[in-house]
Each structure stands twice: as C-alpha cells, then as structure tokens.
Amino acid sequence: MKKLKIFFILPICVLFSCNEDEGEISYTDLGANIILNTSSISNLDENHTMEFSIITADDVTVTDMEVVIGTTTVNASLSGDTATFNSSLFGTLNRFKVDDPETSQDESKEKISSVEANTISTLSNGKPYSKDFTVKINKALSLEKGLEAIIYNTTVEDTLIFEAATKSAIIDNISLEWKKGKEGTYAPTMPLGSALNVDGDEIIFTNFTDASYGYNLAVKDTLYYRFIATSGTLTDSLETYMPIISQTFETSNKLTLSSDLTKNKLNLDTATFYTDSNTDDGEIKFKSPTGFEKEGTTDIDFVKVGDLSGESDYYNTVEKLYSEKDLLIAKRLYDAGTKATEVSATANGDLYIYRITRVVTKEGEPDTNVTEYGMIKIGDVLTTNGGTTLTEIDIEFGEAEVK
C-alpha cells in the first residue's frame, strides 16, 4: 500500500459517526484513502478493468474491499496499492435512463451518462471505510467537427470529422447510413468510396448537388447521417443532421438613389454615394425618369426578374427570392434573362439581378477579376416638384461571389 506519513488532526465528529443513523457506514478518514483511477469509460467498455489507488498511513492497510452497484456487490482484487474490478458490474452501459418506473425506455430517450458506485473497505484495524464514486459513461462515437449546414454546389470544401474511442473495447467496424429529412428511412452509404477508419475519419463535402453523392438532395432538404460502431455484439450510434443551404449574400444595404446631382452615383461595393462630377468611383447612377444605369466603364448589367410562380415554393415570389438571397437562383435567372445596362422606369416591388466584374489590385500580386451577382429591390419611388423636380428611389441591395 502507498503510505502517508501525515499526522491527521481530526474533528470529533470524524472520530465518531456523524450520522444520526448508527446503522450507516460513515465517511470517516482513518488514515486511508481510495482514489478511482478509471473515472470514465465508453458505453462499449462492458468488460474493462476498473482500477483504484489505495493510499494509507504507515500503520494502516486495506485488507478487503467490496464494490457496490445498486443491489449488487463484488469483491475487488487487491494487489499492493491498487484494487481492481470489472466494469461488467455496471451492466449494459448503452441503455436508456428511466427515472420513473412507469416511463418506458422509448419515452425516456435519455441514455445514462454516469454510474454511481460505492466501495466498502475493511482496514487492518477492523474498521470499515466507505466512499462513493461516480463513473462517467461516454459515447464511443463523437464528432470532432460537425457541420451546421452543407452549402449547395460550392467548390469550397467543408469537412465533417468523427472520432471513435474506448478504454479497452475493440471496435470491429464503423458503418454509415443516410436519410432525407427526419421522416426519411435510413439506407447504407459510403461517401468515401471505402470503409471508414475505426478510429475516426473525415468526410469532405464539395460540389454537393442533387445529382452528386447519390442522395438526390436539393436546397431546403436535410441530410441525416448515422454512424454505427460495432464491438462484438455491442453497438454505439451517433446521429447528426445537416441542412442543405444555398450560397447567399449575407448582408444588404438600404439606401435612396436620387436625381440630386450631389449624390446621384452609387458604388455598390462600398454603399457610398458620389456626385455627378465624380467619374472614378460610382458604379451605377440615377437615370431619368425613375431608373438607374451603369456608370462609365463599369462592367455591369441587369436582368429584371419576371413571374416566379412556376418556381420552387421557397422562391416563387419576388419577396421570397430576395428574402432568401439565393445567389445560385439569381445566377440562373440572370443567365436566362435579357441583359440591359440601363433601366429607365422602376416601380415599387420590382427586382433586378445584376452581375458585376471588378478588377482587384493587391500590392505585389497581379490584378485579378472578381465577378459577383447581386439583387436590387425597388421600394418607394417619390417625385417632388419644388423649385427643382427631385426623384428618389428607395432601394435594397446585396451581392456576393458564387464560389
């Protein structure tokens, strides 16, 4: 046994029982301490050696130790300054927690996360020493990196990473299943084209479309994955879900485009107005009577959005399309539409899609062209007649690069 050369100064209530019920074994410190070394195991470790460290004073030894779980008691094996028992004492670790006897496991849906244990040790002086312990039960499967969503048809890679870990249980195999939406039915899948690594693996999503990966999923669908780890007759599963979303522009600007020559030009990138005399910074400008047009040599043109009633539910109106800010739909409508570099008349509720290409200059690097798609939504159009006729068009717009 490990020996403590420490003089214990004990309060009176420790020398005697602090419990009113004299039948209970008190948590007394009689020059001995038991430390649980195996404080956590996985839910597949149903045959793992659990270990305690035994620390005693010079004149005290532990002659016997019992481990109690509920109504079951086993004798721990003592060897020097350690004591061991088998985790099989805990029973099934991958089980539902049911606090109410009248609640079924299906209704509970909560797996146990820990097991309470108690040790009763007999010391060489004949005194008992009791101590409670909690063993944490971890899932063998976990996500090192989850995905909040999968971006549809993007070349930018995003990675889902899972891990599998046990104390001593051997994982024989990890399989993967998928389904469409919560109400779907799981089916086998091998997104890597080969078996998954039993210690963990990475699943990289890129260019995800309804035709890729064999899932037939489109924007607004949800992909469910279920990993299943097998160890002998035992299994652990891990479910995650990832909505399929489109590429969007995240922010928008609300401004007023005016016929006032002191602020009739607008830079869409910086949301900054310029005077009519500025020929360098504006990208679009007001066009009489109630429209807008490209400014100077800006590489930009516009397509007016028409009837969307035949499109998918989530963007079958102008309001829905702008609310979604879906760049992929915007690009498709732009490609199929009639391009113009000027719009003479607009009305409240009109929506225009534009494509703009800018030259990006970075010091020490060659110039590059960056093309972005955006939307311009028309709000109130107001013309006032004072000394000078003034027309103002409320607009909301945003843009981003399709990647």
Protein backbone atom coordinates (compact mmCIF):
# COMPACT_ATOMS: atom_id res chain seq x y z
CA MET A 1 0.00 0.00 0.00
CA LYS A 2 1.10 3.61 -0.58
CA LYS A 3 1.94 5.09 2.80
CA LEU A 4 1.12 8.56 4.07
CA LYS A 5 3.50 9.97 6.65
CA ILE A 6 0.97 12.56 7.70
CA PHE A 7 -0.47 13.28 11.12
CA PHE A 8 -4.23 13.58 10.81
CA ILE A 9 -5.85 16.13 13.09
CA LEU A 10 -9.44 15.03 13.01
CA PRO A 11 -12.51 16.81 14.32
CA ILE A 12 -14.52 14.97 16.96
CA CYS A 13 -17.33 14.25 14.52
CA VAL A 14 -14.83 12.35 12.34
CA LEU A 15 -13.59 10.15 15.17
CA PHE A 16 -17.15 9.12 15.78
CA SER A 17 -20.07 8.71 13.43
CA CYS A 18 -21.51 11.98 12.08
CA ASN A 19 -24.66 10.14 11.01
CA GLU A 20 -27.69 10.05 13.20
CA ASP A 21 -28.44 6.58 11.83
CA GLU A 22 -25.82 4.40 13.59
CA GLY A 23 -26.54 1.64 11.04
CA GLU A 24 -24.94 3.66 8.23
CA ILE A 25 -21.24 3.48 7.44
CA SER A 26 -19.80 6.96 7.82
CA TYR A 27 -17.26 8.62 5.51
CA THR A 28 -14.52 8.56 8.13
CA ASP A 29 -10.86 9.19 7.43
CA LEU A 30 -8.93 6.64 9.41
CA GLY A 31 -5.61 7.14 7.67
CA ALA A 32 -6.76 5.62 4.38
CA ASN A 33 -8.00 6.99 1.09
CA ILE A 34 -9.31 5.31 -2.06
CA ILE A 35 -8.91 7.10 -5.42
CA LEU A 36 -10.71 5.99 -8.55
CA ASN A 37 -8.21 5.99 -11.42
CA THR A 38 -10.71 4.90 -14.07
CA SER A 39 -13.17 7.77 -13.76
CA SER A 40 -14.70 7.34 -17.22
CA ILE A 41 -15.29 4.59 -19.79
CA SER A 42 -17.12 4.36 -23.09
CA ASN A 43 -20.51 2.75 -23.49
CA LEU A 44 -18.80 -0.16 -25.29
CA ASP A 45 -16.43 -0.90 -22.37
CA GLU A 46 -18.56 -3.54 -20.70
CA ASN A 47 -15.51 -5.72 -19.97
CA HIS A 48 -12.93 -3.22 -18.77
CA THR A 49 -10.67 -3.43 -15.73
CA MET A 50 -11.51 -0.60 -13.35
CA GLU A 51 -8.71 0.49 -11.04
CA PHE A 52 -8.48 2.18 -7.65
CA SER A 53 -5.37 3.55 -5.97
CA ILE A 54 -5.09 2.80 -2.25
CA ILE A 55 -3.27 5.30 -0.04
CA THR A 56 -2.79 4.56 3.67
CA ALA A 57 -0.85 5.73 6.69
CA ASP A 58 2.09 3.62 7.91
CA ASP A 59 0.10 1.72 10.50
CA VAL A 60 -2.96 1.02 8.32
CA THR A 61 -3.61 -1.43 5.49
CA VAL A 62 -6.70 -2.32 3.47
CA THR A 63 -7.46 -5.99 3.94
CA ASP A 64 -10.66 -6.23 1.92
CA MET A 65 -12.70 -4.10 -0.48
CA GLU A 66 -16.23 -4.51 -1.78
CA VAL A 67 -17.67 -2.57 -4.70
CA VAL A 68 -21.41 -1.99 -4.56
CA ILE A 69 -23.60 -1.01 -7.51
CA GLY A 70 -27.25 -0.88 -6.52
CA THR A 71 -28.07 -4.24 -5.01
CA THR A 72 -25.03 -6.00 -6.50
CA THR A 73 -21.76 -6.42 -4.61
CA VAL A 74 -18.42 -7.84 -5.78
CA ASN A 75 -15.06 -8.16 -4.10
CA ALA A 76 -12.30 -6.11 -5.65
CA SER A 77 -8.94 -7.74 -6.29
CA LEU A 78 -6.23 -6.25 -4.06
CA SER A 79 -2.63 -6.10 -5.24
CA GLY A 80 -0.21 -3.82 -3.49
CA ASP A 81 -1.50 -0.27 -3.63
CA THR A 82 -4.19 -0.96 -6.25
CA ALA A 83 -7.59 -2.59 -6.34
CA THR A 84 -9.45 -3.67 -9.44
CA PHE A 85 -12.85 -4.93 -10.53
CA ASN A 86 -14.55 -5.46 -13.89
CA SER A 87 -16.93 -2.96 -15.45
CA SER A 88 -19.35 -5.81 -16.17
CA LEU A 89 -20.63 -5.00 -12.69
CA PHE A 90 -22.30 -1.91 -14.23
CA GLY A 91 -24.44 -3.97 -16.59
CA THR A 92 -25.42 -2.63 -20.00
CA LEU A 93 -23.86 0.80 -20.47
CA ASN A 94 -25.68 1.78 -23.66
CA ARG A 95 -29.11 1.90 -22.08
CA PHE A 96 -31.82 4.44 -21.57
CA LYS A 97 -32.16 6.27 -18.29
CA VAL A 98 -35.62 5.76 -16.80
CA ASP A 99 -36.28 7.65 -13.59
CA ASP A 100 -39.98 6.87 -13.47
CA PRO A 101 -40.75 3.13 -13.36
CA GLU A 102 -43.90 3.84 -15.37
CA THR A 103 -41.89 5.54 -18.13
CA SER A 104 -40.85 3.24 -20.94
CA GLN A 105 -37.37 3.35 -22.45
CA ASP A 106 -38.78 4.64 -25.73
CA GLU A 107 -40.42 7.51 -23.89
CA SER A 108 -37.31 8.40 -21.91
CA LYS A 109 -34.94 8.77 -24.88
CA GLU A 110 -32.14 9.72 -22.49
CA LYS A 111 -29.12 7.44 -22.24
CA ILE A 112 -27.30 7.01 -18.94
CA SER A 113 -24.28 9.29 -18.62
CA SER A 114 -22.83 8.00 -15.35
CA VAL A 115 -22.97 5.15 -12.85
CA GLU A 116 -22.86 5.61 -9.09
CA ALA A 117 -20.67 3.19 -7.14
CA ASN A 118 -19.70 2.68 -3.51
CA THR A 119 -16.66 0.97 -2.02
CA ILE A 120 -16.61 -0.54 1.44
CA SER A 121 -13.08 -1.24 2.57
CA THR A 122 -12.01 -3.15 5.66
CA LEU A 123 -8.95 -1.68 7.31
CA SER A 124 -6.32 -3.62 9.23
CA ASN A 125 -7.70 -2.25 12.48
CA GLY A 126 -11.04 -3.81 11.67
CA LYS A 127 -12.75 -0.50 10.94
CA PRO A 128 -14.81 -0.06 7.76
CA TYR A 129 -14.13 2.78 5.31
CA SER A 130 -16.84 3.70 2.84
CA LYS A 131 -16.57 6.04 -0.15
CA ASP A 132 -18.87 6.92 -3.07
CA PHE A 133 -17.69 7.25 -6.67
CA THR A 134 -19.15 8.34 -9.97
CA VAL A 135 -18.03 6.74 -13.22
CA LYS A 136 -18.78 8.81 -16.32
CA ILE A 137 -20.14 6.90 -19.32
CA ASN A 138 -19.06 8.45 -22.63
CA LYS A 139 -20.29 7.61 -26.09
CA ALA A 140 -17.70 5.71 -28.10
CA LEU A 141 -18.61 7.87 -31.11
CA SER A 142 -18.31 11.64 -31.15
CA LEU A 143 -17.99 14.49 -33.62
CA GLU A 144 -14.69 16.35 -33.62
CA LYS A 145 -16.08 18.75 -36.22
CA GLY A 146 -19.75 18.95 -37.07
CA LEU A 147 -21.38 20.87 -39.91
CA GLU A 148 -24.16 23.35 -39.29
CA ALA A 149 -25.09 23.06 -42.97
CA ILE A 150 -23.88 21.89 -46.37
CA ILE A 151 -23.59 24.63 -48.99
CA TYR A 152 -25.10 23.56 -52.29
CA ASN A 153 -22.89 23.38 -55.39
CA THR A 154 -19.85 25.14 -53.96
CA THR A 155 -16.24 24.34 -54.75
CA VAL A 156 -15.28 25.37 -51.22
CA GLU A 157 -14.61 22.22 -49.22
CA ASP A 158 -16.16 21.64 -45.82
CA THR A 159 -15.37 18.67 -43.63
CA LEU A 160 -17.34 16.52 -41.20
CA ILE A 161 -14.99 14.71 -38.78
CA PHE A 162 -15.99 11.93 -36.39
CA GLU A 163 -13.95 10.10 -33.77
CA ALA A 164 -14.26 6.74 -32.03
CA ALA A 165 -12.60 5.97 -28.71
CA THR A 166 -12.89 3.32 -26.00
CA LYS A 167 -10.83 2.35 -22.95
CA SER A 168 -10.20 -1.24 -24.00
CA ALA A 169 -13.09 -2.41 -26.17
CA ILE A 170 -12.08 -3.19 -29.76
CA ILE A 171 -14.21 -1.54 -32.44
CA ASP A 172 -14.62 -4.02 -35.27
CA ASN A 173 -16.35 -1.79 -37.79
CA ILE A 174 -17.94 1.61 -38.30
CA SER A 175 -20.72 1.86 -40.86
CA LEU A 176 -22.64 4.90 -42.07
CA GLU A 177 -26.25 5.40 -43.09
CA TRP A 178 -28.12 8.37 -44.55
CA LYS A 179 -31.68 9.57 -44.96
CA LYS A 180 -33.54 12.57 -46.34
CA GLY A 181 -35.24 14.56 -43.61
CA LYS A 182 -36.37 13.47 -40.18
CA GLU A 183 -39.13 11.24 -41.53
CA GLY A 184 -36.89 9.51 -44.07
CA THR A 185 -35.66 5.92 -43.90
CA TYR A 186 -32.00 5.19 -43.29
CA ALA A 187 -30.01 3.46 -46.03
CA PRO A 188 -26.32 2.45 -46.22
CA THR A 189 -23.85 4.88 -47.76
CA MET A 190 -20.10 5.03 -48.39
CA PRO A 191 -19.29 8.67 -49.17
CA LEU A 192 -15.55 7.94 -49.13
CA GLY A 193 -15.93 5.01 -51.51
CA SER A 194 -14.31 2.75 -48.92
CA ALA A 195 -14.80 1.60 -45.35
CA LEU A 196 -14.47 4.21 -42.62
CA ASN A 197 -11.44 4.20 -40.36
CA VAL A 198 -12.49 2.71 -37.00
CA ASP A 199 -10.58 5.37 -35.05
CA GLY A 200 -12.27 8.24 -36.89
CA ASP A 201 -12.39 9.72 -40.34
CA GLU A 202 -13.11 12.82 -42.41
CA ILE A 203 -15.96 13.25 -44.88
CA ILE A 204 -15.33 16.17 -47.21
CA PHE A 205 -18.28 17.81 -48.96
CA THR A 206 -17.63 19.76 -52.14
CA ASN A 207 -19.75 20.44 -55.24
CA PHE A 208 -22.73 18.94 -53.40
CA THR A 209 -25.80 18.86 -55.70
CA ASP A 210 -28.94 16.78 -56.08
CA ALA A 211 -27.00 14.60 -58.54
CA SER A 212 -23.79 14.17 -56.54
CA TYR A 213 -23.20 11.72 -53.66
CA GLY A 214 -26.25 9.74 -54.79
CA TYR A 215 -28.55 11.44 -52.28
CA ASN A 216 -30.89 13.37 -54.59
CA LEU A 217 -30.99 16.29 -52.14
CA ALA A 218 -31.68 19.90 -53.09
CA VAL A 219 -31.63 23.21 -51.25
CA LYS A 220 -34.02 23.17 -48.27
CA ASP A 221 -33.62 19.40 -47.77
CA THR A 222 -31.80 17.99 -44.74
CA LEU A 223 -29.19 15.24 -44.82
CA TYR A 224 -29.14 12.92 -41.81
CA TYR A 225 -26.09 10.77 -41.09
CA ARG A 226 -25.98 7.90 -38.61
CA PHE A 227 -22.61 6.39 -37.68
CA ILE A 228 -22.74 2.88 -36.16
CA ALA A 229 -19.77 1.42 -34.28
CA THR A 230 -19.75 -2.34 -33.69
CA SER A 231 -17.75 -4.09 -30.98
CA GLY A 232 -18.61 -7.75 -30.81
CA THR A 233 -22.33 -7.86 -30.08
CA LEU A 234 -22.36 -4.25 -28.82
CA THR A 235 -23.10 -1.15 -30.86
CA ASP A 236 -23.00 2.59 -30.41
CA SER A 237 -24.58 5.06 -32.81
CA LEU A 238 -24.20 8.76 -33.46
CA GLU A 239 -26.69 10.82 -35.47
CA THR A 240 -26.09 14.23 -36.97
CA TYR A 241 -28.05 16.29 -39.47
CA MET A 242 -27.05 18.99 -41.93
CA PRO A 243 -29.48 21.29 -43.76
CA ILE A 244 -28.70 21.86 -47.42
CA ILE A 245 -28.45 25.61 -48.00
CA SER A 246 -27.65 27.78 -50.98
CA GLN A 247 -24.92 30.32 -51.47
CA THR A 248 -26.18 33.72 -50.42
CA PHE A 249 -25.13 37.29 -49.79
CA GLU A 250 -25.20 37.69 -46.05
CA THR A 251 -25.80 41.42 -45.68
CA SER A 252 -27.80 44.02 -47.56
CA ASN A 253 -27.97 47.79 -47.70
CA LYS A 254 -30.97 50.11 -47.72
CA LEU A 255 -30.30 53.41 -49.46
CA THR A 256 -32.01 56.09 -51.54
CA LEU A 257 -30.82 56.67 -55.10
CA SER A 258 -31.54 60.26 -56.03
CA SER A 259 -31.67 62.51 -59.08
CA ASP A 260 -29.87 65.10 -56.93
CA LEU A 261 -26.58 65.66 -58.79
CA THR A 262 -24.71 65.94 -55.50
CA LYS A 263 -25.41 62.26 -54.73
CA ASN A 264 -26.73 60.58 -57.87
CA LYS A 265 -23.97 58.00 -58.26
CA LEU A 266 -23.57 54.88 -56.11
CA ASN A 267 -20.77 52.42 -55.52
CA LEU A 268 -22.49 49.07 -54.87
CA ASP A 269 -19.40 47.57 -53.26
CA THR A 270 -18.98 50.24 -50.59
CA ALA A 271 -22.59 51.57 -50.48
CA THR A 272 -21.18 55.09 -50.95
CA PHE A 273 -22.77 57.96 -52.93
CA TYR A 274 -20.80 60.30 -55.19
CA THR A 275 -21.50 63.49 -57.08
CA ASP A 276 -22.30 63.60 -60.79
CA SER A 277 -18.89 65.13 -61.45
CA ASN A 278 -17.08 62.12 -59.97
CA THR A 279 -16.13 59.82 -62.84
CA ASP A 280 -13.95 57.37 -60.89
CA ASP A 281 -15.86 55.82 -58.02
CA GLY A 282 -19.51 55.34 -58.90
CA GLU A 283 -20.73 52.05 -60.40
CA ILE A 284 -24.37 52.92 -61.13
CA LYS A 285 -26.21 56.23 -61.28
CA PHE A 286 -29.74 57.59 -61.35
CA LYS A 287 -31.45 57.60 -64.77
CA SER A 288 -34.46 59.72 -65.57
CA PRO A 289 -37.32 59.44 -65.05
CA THR A 290 -37.25 56.74 -62.30
CA GLY A 291 -34.44 54.31 -63.06
CA PHE A 292 -30.74 53.60 -62.92
CA GLU A 293 -27.92 52.76 -65.32
CA LYS A 294 -24.30 51.68 -65.35
CA GLU A 295 -21.74 54.40 -64.73
CA GLY A 296 -18.83 54.90 -67.06
CA THR A 297 -16.87 51.77 -67.91
CA THR A 298 -18.23 49.69 -65.06
CA ASP A 299 -18.61 46.07 -66.17
CA ILE A 300 -22.21 45.62 -65.04
CA ASP A 301 -25.61 44.77 -66.49
CA PHE A 302 -29.08 43.98 -65.17
CA VAL A 303 -31.92 41.50 -65.66
CA LYS A 304 -35.41 42.22 -64.44
CA VAL A 305 -36.99 39.30 -62.57
CA GLY A 306 -40.27 38.23 -64.09
CA ASP A 307 -43.02 35.84 -62.99
CA LEU A 308 -41.74 33.29 -60.46
CA SER A 309 -44.99 31.43 -59.82
CA GLY A 310 -43.71 28.30 -61.57
CA GLU A 311 -40.57 28.09 -59.44
CA SER A 312 -40.00 26.20 -56.18
CA ASP A 313 -42.12 27.24 -53.22
CA TYR A 314 -39.31 28.86 -51.31
CA TYR A 315 -38.64 31.50 -54.01
CA ASN A 316 -41.82 31.63 -56.13
CA THR A 317 -42.34 35.35 -55.47
CA VAL A 318 -40.05 38.35 -55.70
CA GLU A 319 -40.36 38.87 -51.96
CA LYS A 320 -39.33 35.28 -51.19
CA LEU A 321 -36.42 35.33 -53.63
CA TYR A 322 -34.97 38.50 -52.17
CA SER A 323 -35.56 37.26 -48.64
CA GLU A 324 -33.67 34.05 -49.42
CA LYS A 325 -30.81 35.99 -51.06
CA ASP A 326 -30.10 32.86 -53.08
CA LEU A 327 -27.13 33.54 -55.36
CA LEU A 328 -27.46 30.31 -57.31
CA ILE A 329 -31.05 31.10 -58.29
CA ALA A 330 -30.03 34.69 -59.04
CA LYS A 331 -27.27 33.48 -61.36
CA ARG A 332 -29.61 31.08 -63.14
CA LEU A 333 -32.24 33.77 -63.68
CA TYR A 334 -29.56 36.21 -64.83
CA ASP A 335 -28.12 33.71 -67.32
CA ALA A 336 -31.58 33.05 -68.78
CA GLY A 337 -32.71 36.69 -68.83
CA THR A 338 -32.37 39.67 -71.12
CA LYS A 339 -29.43 41.82 -70.09
CA ALA A 340 -29.54 45.61 -70.05
CA THR A 341 -27.14 48.30 -68.91
CA GLU A 342 -29.90 50.80 -68.11
CA VAL A 343 -33.40 50.81 -66.66
CA SER A 344 -35.46 53.91 -67.35
CA ALA A 345 -38.52 53.29 -65.18
CA THR A 346 -38.90 51.29 -61.98
CA ALA A 347 -41.82 50.66 -59.67
CA ASN A 348 -42.23 49.60 -56.07
CA GLY A 349 -41.73 45.81 -55.82
CA ASP A 350 -39.51 45.38 -58.89
CA LEU A 351 -36.48 43.15 -58.50
CA TYR A 352 -33.36 43.25 -60.65
CA ILE A 353 -30.44 40.85 -60.72
CA TYR A 354 -27.08 42.24 -61.70
CA ARG A 355 -23.67 40.86 -62.49
CA ILE A 356 -20.62 42.99 -61.91
CA THR A 357 -16.92 42.31 -62.52
CA ARG A 358 -14.33 44.33 -60.66
CA VAL A 359 -10.57 44.43 -61.00
CA VAL A 360 -8.91 43.69 -57.68
CA THR A 361 -5.42 45.04 -57.18
CA LYS A 362 -3.10 43.78 -54.43
CA GLU A 363 0.41 45.06 -53.92
CA GLY A 364 2.99 42.63 -55.23
CA GLU A 365 0.38 40.48 -56.95
CA PRO A 366 -1.09 40.55 -60.46
CA ASP A 367 -4.53 42.11 -60.89
CA THR A 368 -7.46 39.68 -60.74
CA ASN A 369 -11.06 39.92 -61.92
CA VAL A 370 -13.76 39.12 -59.38
CA THR A 371 -17.34 38.62 -60.59
CA GLU A 372 -20.24 38.93 -58.19
CA TYR A 373 -24.00 38.55 -58.52
CA GLY A 374 -26.44 40.76 -56.69
CA MET A 375 -30.05 41.86 -56.37
CA ILE A 376 -31.58 45.31 -56.34
CA LYS A 377 -35.07 45.52 -54.86
CA ILE A 378 -37.08 48.66 -55.58
CA GLY A 379 -39.03 50.29 -52.77
CA ASP A 380 -40.89 53.59 -52.79
CA VAL A 381 -40.40 55.86 -55.80
CA LEU A 382 -41.12 59.50 -54.95
CA THR A 383 -41.02 62.58 -57.19
CA THR A 384 -41.42 66.04 -55.68
CA ASN A 385 -41.81 69.34 -57.53
CA GLY A 386 -40.41 72.38 -55.81
CA GLY A 387 -38.09 74.82 -57.36
CA THR A 388 -36.46 71.74 -58.92
CA THR A 389 -38.02 68.36 -59.67
CA LEU A 390 -36.43 65.71 -57.42
CA THR A 391 -36.92 61.96 -57.75
CA GLU A 392 -35.81 59.48 -55.10
CA ILE A 393 -35.85 55.69 -55.35
CA ASP A 394 -35.61 53.59 -52.20
CA ILE A 395 -33.52 50.52 -52.95
CA GLU A 396 -32.24 47.50 -51.06
CA PHE A 397 -29.35 45.54 -52.47
CA GLY A 398 -26.67 42.99 -51.73
CA GLU A 399 -24.16 40.87 -53.61
CA ALA A 400 -21.53 38.13 -53.29
CA GLU A 401 -19.27 35.91 -55.34
CA VAL A 402 -20.54 32.50 -56.41
CA LYS A 403 -17.88 30.02 -55.33
